[in-house]
Amino acid sequence: MILLWLQRAIDDRDAQLDYIADDNPTAAISQGDRIAQQVEMLLQHPKIGRPGRVKGTRELVISHTPFLVIYRIKGNRIEILRLLHGAQQWPPK
């Protein structure tokens, strides 16, 4: 399996972690590490996330964080589509 972060997901991640880092850089590093570790688990267990609210997607709740990773499986590739805060509207209206 190949893990691919799409640009929108990278932008989401960077914005979320920058926001946290403004108040607590150590917490931002910790949250970033949790996200990376749990997303990497998808390589071994691609269906670990629940079926998504948008057809063809899955949703991985990042434990001990407020974040949700939206992803899809395409052949041998796992595409990370979005990284959202749990309070964000998903899917968008």
PDB file of N, CA and C in Angstrom:
ATOM      1  N   MET A   1       0.849  -1.191   0.000  1.00  0.00           N
ATOM      2  CA  MET A   1       0.000   0.000   0.000  1.00  0.00           C
ATOM      3  C   MET A   1       0.890   1.248   0.000  1.00  0.00           C
ATOM      4  N   ILE A   2       0.369   2.284  -0.614  1.00  0.00           N
ATOM      5  CA  ILE A   2       1.034   3.583  -0.657  1.00  0.00           C
ATOM      6  C   ILE A   2       0.130   4.578   0.058  1.00  0.00           C
ATOM      7  N   LEU A   3       0.727   5.430   0.877  1.00  0.00           N
ATOM      8  CA  LEU A   3      -0.019   6.456   1.599  1.00  0.00           C
ATOM      9  C   LEU A   3       0.266   7.801   0.946  1.00  0.00           C
ATOM     10  N   LEU A   4      -0.791   8.498   0.540  1.00  0.00           N
ATOM     11  CA  LEU A   4      -0.639   9.774  -0.150  1.00  0.00           C
ATOM     12  C   LEU A   4      -1.509  10.830   0.523  1.00  0.00           C
ATOM     13  N   TRP A   5      -0.874  11.898   1.009  1.00  0.00           N
ATOM     14  CA  TRP A   5      -1.611  13.040   1.560  1.00  0.00           C
ATOM     15  C   TRP A   5      -1.892  13.997   0.404  1.00  0.00           C
ATOM     16  N   LEU A   6      -3.158  14.234   0.100  1.00  0.00           N
ATOM     17  CA  LEU A   6      -3.499  15.217  -0.928  1.00  0.00           C
ATOM     18  C   LEU A   6      -3.250  16.621  -0.374  1.00  0.00           C
ATOM     19  N   GLN A   7      -3.040  17.577  -1.271  1.00  0.00           N
ATOM     20  CA  GLN A   7      -2.664  18.928  -0.842  1.00  0.00           C
ATOM     21  C   GLN A   7      -3.667  19.538   0.130  1.00  0.00           C
ATOM     22  N   ARG A   8      -4.944  19.313  -0.100  1.00  0.00           N
ATOM     23  CA  ARG A   8      -5.970  19.875   0.801  1.00  0.00           C
ATOM     24  C   ARG A   8      -5.782  19.354   2.221  1.00  0.00           C
ATOM     25  N   ALA A   9      -5.456  18.070   2.363  1.00  0.00           N
ATOM     26  CA  ALA A   9      -5.231  17.476   3.683  1.00  0.00           C
ATOM     27  C   ALA A   9      -3.959  18.032   4.327  1.00  0.00           C
ATOM     28  N   ILE A  10      -2.927  18.240   3.534  1.00  0.00           N
ATOM     29  CA  ILE A  10      -1.689  18.835   4.052  1.00  0.00           C
ATOM     30  C   ILE A  10      -1.974  20.239   4.558  1.00  0.00           C
ATOM     31  N   ASP A  11      -2.729  21.012   3.779  1.00  0.00           N
ATOM     32  CA  ASP A  11      -3.091  22.371   4.198  1.00  0.00           C
ATOM     33  C   ASP A  11      -3.918  22.348   5.477  1.00  0.00           C
ATOM     34  N   ASP A  12      -4.869  21.409   5.567  1.00  0.00           N
ATOM     35  CA  ASP A  12      -5.678  21.264   6.787  1.00  0.00           C
ATOM     36  C   ASP A  12      -4.775  21.001   7.989  1.00  0.00           C
ATOM     37  N   ARG A  13      -3.885  20.014   7.838  1.00  0.00           N
ATOM     38  CA  ARG A  13      -2.993  19.632   8.939  1.00  0.00           C
ATOM     39  C   ARG A  13      -2.125  20.810   9.379  1.00  0.00           C
ATOM     40  N   ASP A  14      -1.528  21.482   8.413  1.00  0.00           N
ATOM     41  CA  ASP A  14      -0.656  22.605   8.744  1.00  0.00           C
ATOM     42  C   ASP A  14      -1.420  23.711   9.459  1.00  0.00           C
ATOM     43  N   ALA A  15      -2.617  24.024   8.997  1.00  0.00           N
ATOM     44  CA  ALA A  15      -3.425  25.080   9.624  1.00  0.00           C
ATOM     45  C   ALA A  15      -3.820  24.697  11.049  1.00  0.00           C
ATOM     46  N   GLN A  16      -4.240  23.451  11.243  1.00  0.00           N
ATOM     47  CA  GLN A  16      -4.651  23.005  12.581  1.00  0.00           C
ATOM     48  C   GLN A  16      -3.466  23.049  13.545  1.00  0.00           C
ATOM     49  N   LEU A  17      -2.323  22.543  13.116  1.00  0.00           N
ATOM     50  CA  LEU A  17      -1.158  22.501  14.003  1.00  0.00           C
ATOM     51  C   LEU A  17      -0.576  23.891  14.238  1.00  0.00           C
ATOM     52  N   ASP A  18      -0.626  24.760  13.241  1.00  0.00           N
ATOM     53  CA  ASP A  18      -0.179  26.147  13.440  1.00  0.00           C
ATOM     54  C   ASP A  18      -1.046  26.850  14.474  1.00  0.00           C
ATOM     55  N   TYR A  19      -2.343  26.611  14.419  1.00  0.00           N
ATOM     56  CA  TYR A  19      -3.267  27.218  15.379  1.00  0.00           C
ATOM     57  C   TYR A  19      -2.923  26.768  16.800  1.00  0.00           C
ATOM     58  N   ILE A  20      -2.686  25.479  16.972  1.00  0.00           N
ATOM     59  CA  ILE A  20      -2.329  24.957  18.298  1.00  0.00           C
ATOM     60  C   ILE A  20      -0.983  25.522  18.742  1.00  0.00           C
ATOM     61  N   ALA A  21      -0.023  25.590  17.826  1.00  0.00           N
ATOM     62  CA  ALA A  21       1.328  26.051  18.148  1.00  0.00           C
ATOM     63  C   ALA A  21       1.360  27.500  18.607  1.00  0.00           C
ATOM     64  N   ASP A  22       0.392  28.302  18.174  1.00  0.00           N
ATOM     65  CA  ASP A  22       0.348  29.697  18.621  1.00  0.00           C
ATOM     66  C   ASP A  22       0.271  29.788  20.136  1.00  0.00           C
ATOM     67  N   ASP A  23      -0.446  28.867  20.761  1.00  0.00           N
ATOM     68  CA  ASP A  23      -0.586  28.862  22.219  1.00  0.00           C
ATOM     69  C   ASP A  23       0.340  27.871  22.900  1.00  0.00           C
ATOM     70  N   ASN A  24       0.624  26.740  22.242  1.00  0.00           N
ATOM     71  CA  ASN A  24       1.372  25.678  22.904  1.00  0.00           C
ATOM     72  C   ASN A  24       2.138  24.847  21.867  1.00  0.00           C
ATOM     73  N   PRO A  25       3.367  25.261  21.561  1.00  0.00           N
ATOM     74  CA  PRO A  25       4.145  24.530  20.555  1.00  0.00           C
ATOM     75  C   PRO A  25       4.358  23.054  20.897  1.00  0.00           C
ATOM     76  N   THR A  26       4.527  22.749  22.164  1.00  0.00           N
ATOM     77  CA  THR A  26       4.732  21.355  22.569  1.00  0.00           C
ATOM     78  C   THR A  26       3.499  20.515  22.260  1.00  0.00           C
ATOM     79  N   ALA A  27       2.327  21.063  22.516  1.00  0.00           N
ATOM     80  CA  ALA A  27       1.080  20.345  22.221  1.00  0.00           C
ATOM     81  C   ALA A  27       0.931  20.135  20.714  1.00  0.00           C
ATOM     82  N   ALA A  28       1.336  21.117  19.924  1.00  0.00           N
ATOM     83  CA  ALA A  28       1.239  20.980  18.467  1.00  0.00           C
ATOM     84  C   ALA A  28       2.115  19.827  17.975  1.00  0.00           C
ATOM     85  N   ILE A  29       3.313  19.719  18.532  1.00  0.00           N
ATOM     86  CA  ILE A  29       4.206  18.620  18.151  1.00  0.00           C
ATOM     87  C   ILE A  29       3.588  17.283  18.544  1.00  0.00           C
ATOM     88  N   SER A  30       3.055  17.220  19.751  1.00  0.00           N
ATOM     89  CA  SER A  30       2.430  15.989  20.237  1.00  0.00           C
ATOM     90  C   SER A  30       1.243  15.585  19.360  1.00  0.00           C
ATOM     91  N   GLN A  31       0.391  16.551  19.036  1.00  0.00           N
ATOM     92  CA  GLN A  31      -0.773  16.266  18.187  1.00  0.00           C
ATOM     93  C   GLN A  31      -0.325  15.814  16.798  1.00  0.00           C
ATOM     94  N   GLY A  32       0.687  16.481  16.255  1.00  0.00           N
ATOM     95  CA  GLY A  32       1.212  16.092  14.946  1.00  0.00           C
ATOM     96  C   GLY A  32       1.749  14.669  14.944  1.00  0.00           C
ATOM     97  N   ASP A  33       2.443  14.304  16.029  1.00  0.00           N
ATOM     98  CA  ASP A  33       2.959  12.936  16.149  1.00  0.00           C
ATOM     99  C   ASP A  33       1.825  11.919  16.218  1.00  0.00           C
ATOM    100  N   ARG A  34       0.781  12.230  16.984  1.00  0.00           N
ATOM    101  CA  ARG A  34      -0.365  11.311  17.094  1.00  0.00           C
ATOM    102  C   ARG A  34      -1.029  11.105  15.732  1.00  0.00           C
ATOM    103  N   ILE A  35      -1.212  12.210  15.025  1.00  0.00           N
ATOM    104  CA  ILE A  35      -1.828  12.123  13.695  1.00  0.00           C
ATOM    105  C   ILE A  35      -0.978  11.229  12.789  1.00  0.00           C
ATOM    106  N   ALA A  36       0.319  11.496  12.740  1.00  0.00           N
ATOM    107  CA  ALA A  36       1.211  10.731  11.863  1.00  0.00           C
ATOM    108  C   ALA A  36       1.208   9.246  12.215  1.00  0.00           C
ATOM    109  N   GLN A  37       1.297   8.935  13.497  1.00  0.00           N
ATOM    110  CA  GLN A  37       1.340   7.533  13.925  1.00  0.00           C
ATOM    111  C   GLN A  37       0.060   6.792  13.556  1.00  0.00           C
ATOM    112  N   GLN A  38      -1.071   7.431  13.801  1.00  0.00           N
ATOM    113  CA  GLN A  38      -2.330   6.737  13.549  1.00  0.00           C
ATOM    114  C   GLN A  38      -2.639   6.641  12.057  1.00  0.00           C
ATOM    115  N   VAL A  39      -2.261   7.647  11.293  1.00  0.00           N
ATOM    116  CA  VAL A  39      -2.451   7.569   9.842  1.00  0.00           C
ATOM    117  C   VAL A  39      -1.555   6.471   9.260  1.00  0.00           C
ATOM    118  N   GLU A  40      -0.342   6.338   9.775  1.00  0.00           N
ATOM    119  CA  GLU A  40       0.565   5.285   9.305  1.00  0.00           C
ATOM    120  C   GLU A  40      -0.027   3.890   9.524  1.00  0.00           C
ATOM    121  N   MET A  41      -0.860   3.728  10.557  1.00  0.00           N
ATOM    122  CA  MET A  41      -1.500   2.434  10.816  1.00  0.00           C
ATOM    123  C   MET A  41      -2.387   2.001   9.650  1.00  0.00           C
ATOM    124  N   LEU A  42      -2.837   2.965   8.863  1.00  0.00           N
ATOM    125  CA  LEU A  42      -3.678   2.634   7.711  1.00  0.00           C
ATOM    126  C   LEU A  42      -2.941   1.752   6.701  1.00  0.00           C
ATOM    127  N   LEU A  43      -1.622   1.849   6.667  1.00  0.00           N
ATOM    128  CA  LEU A  43      -0.858   1.024   5.731  1.00  0.00           C
ATOM    129  C   LEU A  43      -1.030  -0.463   6.028  1.00  0.00           C
ATOM    130  N   GLN A  44      -1.158  -0.813   7.290  1.00  0.00           N
ATOM    131  CA  GLN A  44      -1.345  -2.213   7.680  1.00  0.00           C
ATOM    132  C   GLN A  44      -2.819  -2.589   7.793  1.00  0.00           C
ATOM    133  N   HIS A  45      -3.647  -1.605   8.131  1.00  0.00           N
ATOM    134  CA  HIS A  45      -5.076  -1.849   8.369  1.00  0.00           C
ATOM    135  C   HIS A  45      -5.900  -0.767   7.669  1.00  0.00           C
ATOM    136  N   PRO A  46      -5.992  -0.798   6.351  1.00  0.00           N
ATOM    137  CA  PRO A  46      -6.639   0.293   5.617  1.00  0.00           C
ATOM    138  C   PRO A  46      -8.110   0.512   5.946  1.00  0.00           C
ATOM    139  N   LYS A  47      -8.789  -0.499   6.444  1.00  0.00           N
ATOM    140  CA  LYS A  47     -10.214  -0.336   6.741  1.00  0.00           C
ATOM    141  C   LYS A  47     -10.476  -0.110   8.224  1.00  0.00           C
ATOM    142  N   ILE A  48      -9.454   0.332   8.957  1.00  0.00           N
ATOM    143  CA  ILE A  48      -9.615   0.567  10.391  1.00  0.00           C
ATOM    144  C   ILE A  48     -10.593   1.715  10.663  1.00  0.00           C
ATOM    145  N   GLY A  49     -10.691   2.652   9.740  1.00  0.00           N
ATOM    146  CA  GLY A  49     -11.633   3.762   9.894  1.00  0.00           C
ATOM    147  C   GLY A  49     -13.054   3.322   9.589  1.00  0.00           C
ATOM    148  N   ARG A  50     -13.986   4.062  10.145  1.00  0.00           N
ATOM    149  CA  ARG A  50     -15.403   3.742   9.911  1.00  0.00           C
ATOM    150  C   ARG A  50     -15.809   4.162   8.495  1.00  0.00           C
ATOM    151  N   PRO A  51     -16.874   3.567   7.960  1.00  0.00           N
ATOM    152  CA  PRO A  51     -17.371   4.029   6.661  1.00  0.00           C
ATOM    153  C   PRO A  51     -17.698   5.526   6.734  1.00  0.00           C
ATOM    154  N   GLY A  52     -17.318   6.251   5.698  1.00  0.00           N
ATOM    155  CA  GLY A  52     -17.489   7.697   5.696  1.00  0.00           C
ATOM    156  C   GLY A  52     -18.904   8.151   5.404  1.00  0.00           C
ATOM    157  N   ARG A  53     -19.160   9.404   5.733  1.00  0.00           N
ATOM    158  CA  ARG A  53     -20.460  10.014   5.452  1.00  0.00           C
ATOM    159  C   ARG A  53     -20.586  10.395   3.984  1.00  0.00           C
ATOM    160  N   VAL A  54     -19.452  10.466   3.300  1.00  0.00           N
ATOM    161  CA  VAL A  54     -19.434  10.714   1.859  1.00  0.00           C
ATOM    162  C   VAL A  54     -19.097   9.385   1.186  1.00  0.00           C
ATOM    163  N   LYS A  55     -19.897   9.020   0.195  1.00  0.00           N
ATOM    164  CA  LYS A  55     -19.720   7.732  -0.488  1.00  0.00           C
ATOM    165  C   LYS A  55     -18.278   7.563  -0.972  1.00  0.00           C
ATOM    166  N   GLY A  56     -17.730   6.384  -0.717  1.00  0.00           N
ATOM    167  CA  GLY A  56     -16.384   6.066  -1.178  1.00  0.00           C
ATOM    168  C   GLY A  56     -15.275   6.497  -0.240  1.00  0.00           C
ATOM    169  N   THR A  57     -15.646   7.067   0.912  1.00  0.00           N
ATOM    170  CA  THR A  57     -14.634   7.506   1.869  1.00  0.00           C
ATOM    171  C   THR A  57     -14.730   6.699   3.157  1.00  0.00           C
ATOM    172  N   ARG A  58     -13.689   6.851   3.963  1.00  0.00           N
ATOM    173  CA  ARG A  58     -13.662   6.296   5.313  1.00  0.00           C
ATOM    174  C   ARG A  58     -13.193   7.416   6.231  1.00  0.00           C
ATOM    175  N   GLU A  59     -13.483   7.269   7.528  1.00  0.00           N
ATOM    176  CA  GLU A  59     -13.149   8.299   8.513  1.00  0.00           C
ATOM    177  C   GLU A  59     -12.404   7.656   9.673  1.00  0.00           C
ATOM    178  N   LEU A  60     -11.213   8.165   9.937  1.00  0.00           N
ATOM    179  CA  LEU A  60     -10.393   7.683  11.041  1.00  0.00           C
ATOM    180  C   LEU A  60     -10.387   8.742  12.131  1.00  0.00           C
ATOM    181  N   VAL A  61     -10.934   8.395  13.288  1.00  0.00           N
ATOM    182  CA  VAL A  61     -10.899   9.296  14.438  1.00  0.00           C
ATOM    183  C   VAL A  61      -9.513   9.158  15.056  1.00  0.00           C
ATOM    184  N   ILE A  62      -8.805  10.269  15.188  1.00  0.00           N
ATOM    185  CA  ILE A  62      -7.467  10.253  15.778  1.00  0.00           C
ATOM    186  C   ILE A  62      -7.630  10.325  17.292  1.00  0.00           C
ATOM    187  N   SER A  63      -7.318   9.222  17.959  1.00  0.00           N
ATOM    188  CA  SER A  63      -7.557   9.143  19.405  1.00  0.00           C
ATOM    189  C   SER A  63      -6.729  10.178  20.163  1.00  0.00           C
ATOM    190  N   HIS A  64      -7.312  10.640  21.259  1.00  0.00           N
ATOM    191  CA  HIS A  64      -6.698  11.641  22.143  1.00  0.00           C
ATOM    192  C   HIS A  64      -6.469  12.977  21.445  1.00  0.00           C
ATOM    193  N   THR A  65      -7.222  13.228  20.383  1.00  0.00           N
ATOM    194  CA  THR A  65      -7.194  14.518  19.688  1.00  0.00           C
ATOM    195  C   THR A  65      -8.629  14.820  19.258  1.00  0.00           C
ATOM    196  N   PRO A  66      -8.882  16.057  18.831  1.00  0.00           N
ATOM    197  CA  PRO A  66     -10.211  16.373  18.300  1.00  0.00           C
ATOM    198  C   PRO A  66     -10.308  16.157  16.784  1.00  0.00           C
ATOM    199  N   PHE A  67      -9.363  15.425  16.195  1.00  0.00           N
ATOM    200  CA  PHE A  67      -9.255  15.365  14.745  1.00  0.00           C
ATOM    201  C   PHE A  67      -9.836  14.107  14.114  1.00  0.00           C
ATOM    202  N   LEU A  68     -10.249  14.288  12.873  1.00  0.00           N
ATOM    203  CA  LEU A  68     -10.845  13.245  12.058  1.00  0.00           C
ATOM    204  C   LEU A  68     -10.145  13.273  10.698  1.00  0.00           C
ATOM    205  N   VAL A  69      -9.666  12.131  10.256  1.00  0.00           N
ATOM    206  CA  VAL A  69      -9.022  12.020   8.950  1.00  0.00           C
ATOM    207  C   VAL A  69     -10.017  11.393   7.974  1.00  0.00           C
ATOM    208  N   ILE A  70     -10.245  12.085   6.871  1.00  0.00           N
ATOM    209  CA  ILE A  70     -11.111  11.578   5.809  1.00  0.00           C
ATOM    210  C   ILE A  70     -10.188  10.995   4.737  1.00  0.00           C
ATOM    211  N   TYR A  71     -10.427   9.735   4.381  1.00  0.00           N
ATOM    212  CA  TYR A  71      -9.564   9.097   3.390  1.00  0.00           C
ATOM    213  C   TYR A  71     -10.361   8.165   2.491  1.00  0.00           C
ATOM    214  N   ARG A  72      -9.714   7.767   1.397  1.00  0.00           N
ATOM    215  CA  ARG A  72     -10.318   6.771   0.509  1.00  0.00           C
ATOM    216  C   ARG A  72      -9.227   5.791   0.088  1.00  0.00           C
ATOM    217  N   ILE A  73      -9.681   4.618  -0.254  1.00  0.00           N
ATOM    218  CA  ILE A  73      -8.782   3.565  -0.719  1.00  0.00           C
ATOM    219  C   ILE A  73      -9.011   3.413  -2.219  1.00  0.00           C
ATOM    220  N   LYS A  74      -7.944   3.578  -2.997  1.00  0.00           N
ATOM    221  CA  LYS A  74      -8.015   3.430  -4.459  1.00  0.00           C
ATOM    222  C   LYS A  74      -6.924   2.456  -4.874  1.00  0.00           C
ATOM    223  N   GLY A  75      -7.332   1.224  -5.139  1.00  0.00           N
ATOM    224  CA  GLY A  75      -6.350   0.203  -5.515  1.00  0.00           C
ATOM    225  C   GLY A  75      -5.382  -0.045  -4.374  1.00  0.00           C
ATOM    226  N   ASN A  76      -4.094   0.152  -4.641  1.00  0.00           N
ATOM    227  CA  ASN A  76      -3.091  -0.047  -3.596  1.00  0.00           C
ATOM    228  C   ASN A  76      -2.685   1.265  -2.927  1.00  0.00           C
ATOM    229  N   ARG A  77      -3.524   2.280  -3.084  1.00  0.00           N
ATOM    230  CA  ARG A  77      -3.207   3.611  -2.562  1.00  0.00           C
ATOM    231  C   ARG A  77      -4.246   4.053  -1.543  1.00  0.00           C
ATOM    232  N   ILE A  78      -3.763   4.630  -0.447  1.00  0.00           N
ATOM    233  CA  ILE A  78      -4.635   5.260   0.548  1.00  0.00           C
ATOM    234  C   ILE A  78      -4.439   6.757   0.388  1.00  0.00           C
ATOM    235  N   GLU A  79      -5.512   7.462   0.050  1.00  0.00           N
ATOM    236  CA  GLU A  79      -5.441   8.910  -0.167  1.00  0.00           C
ATOM    237  C   GLU A  79      -6.063   9.627   1.018  1.00  0.00           C
ATOM    238  N   ILE A  80      -5.256  10.444   1.688  1.00  0.00           N
ATOM    239  CA  ILE A  80      -5.752  11.268   2.784  1.00  0.00           C
ATOM    240  C   ILE A  80      -6.344  12.519   2.141  1.00  0.00           C
ATOM    241  N   LEU A  81      -7.658  12.679   2.288  1.00  0.00           N
ATOM    242  CA  LEU A  81      -8.375  13.765   1.618  1.00  0.00           C
ATOM    243  C   LEU A  81      -8.452  15.017   2.472  1.00  0.00           C
ATOM    244  N   ARG A  82      -8.751  14.850   3.760  1.00  0.00           N
ATOM    245  CA  ARG A  82      -8.935  15.988   4.670  1.00  0.00           C
ATOM    246  C   ARG A  82      -8.496  15.589   6.072  1.00  0.00           C
ATOM    247  N   LEU A  83      -8.101  16.583   6.853  1.00  0.00           N
ATOM    248  CA  LEU A  83      -7.892  16.437   8.293  1.00  0.00           C
ATOM    249  C   LEU A  83      -8.725  17.538   8.922  1.00  0.00           C
ATOM    250  N   LEU A  84      -9.779  17.147   9.622  1.00  0.00           N
ATOM    251  CA  LEU A  84     -10.738  18.113  10.146  1.00  0.00           C
ATOM    252  C   LEU A  84     -10.810  18.061  11.660  1.00  0.00           C
ATOM    253  N   HIS A  85     -11.117  19.196  12.247  1.00  0.00           N
ATOM    254  CA  HIS A  85     -11.445  19.249  13.674  1.00  0.00           C
ATOM    255  C   HIS A  85     -12.864  18.706  13.813  1.00  0.00           C
ATOM    256  N   GLY A  86     -13.111  17.977  14.878  1.00  0.00           N
ATOM    257  CA  GLY A  86     -14.424  17.371  15.083  1.00  0.00           C
ATOM    258  C   GLY A  86     -15.577  18.356  15.084  1.00  0.00           C
ATOM    259  N   ALA A  87     -15.295  19.633  15.373  1.00  0.00           N
ATOM    260  CA  ALA A  87     -16.352  20.646  15.395  1.00  0.00           C
ATOM    261  C   ALA A  87     -16.673  21.182  13.993  1.00  0.00           C
ATOM    262  N   GLN A  88     -15.855  20.842  13.005  1.00  0.00           N
ATOM    263  CA  GLN A  88     -16.105  21.325  11.649  1.00  0.00           C
ATOM    264  C   GLN A  88     -17.240  20.546  10.997  1.00  0.00           C
ATOM    265  N   GLN A  89     -17.981  21.226  10.158  1.00  0.00           N
ATOM    266  CA  GLN A  89     -19.078  20.606   9.406  1.00  0.00           C
ATOM    267  C   GLN A  89     -18.503  19.655   8.360  1.00  0.00           C
ATOM    268  N   TRP A  90     -18.919  18.408   8.416  1.00  0.00           N
ATOM    269  CA  TRP A  90     -18.522  17.431   7.403  1.00  0.00           C
ATOM    270  C   TRP A  90     -19.670  16.469   7.171  1.00  0.00           C
ATOM    271  N   PRO A  91     -20.069  16.249   5.968  1.00  0.00           N
ATOM    272  CA  PRO A  91     -19.562  16.913   4.770  1.00  0.00           C
ATOM    273  C   PRO A  91     -20.089  18.342   4.678  1.00  0.00           C
ATOM    274  N   PRO A  92     -19.393  19.165   3.898  1.00  0.00           N
ATOM    275  CA  PRO A  92     -19.871  20.542   3.752  1.00  0.00           C
ATOM    276  C   PRO A  92     -21.223  20.560   3.071  1.00  0.00           C
ATOM    277  N   LYS A  93     -22.015  21.551   3.387  1.00  0.00           N
ATOM    278  CA  LYS A  93     -23.357  21.664   2.793  1.00  0.00           C
ATOM    279  C   LYS A  93     -23.305  22.337   1.456  1.00  0.00           C
TER     280      LYS A  93
END
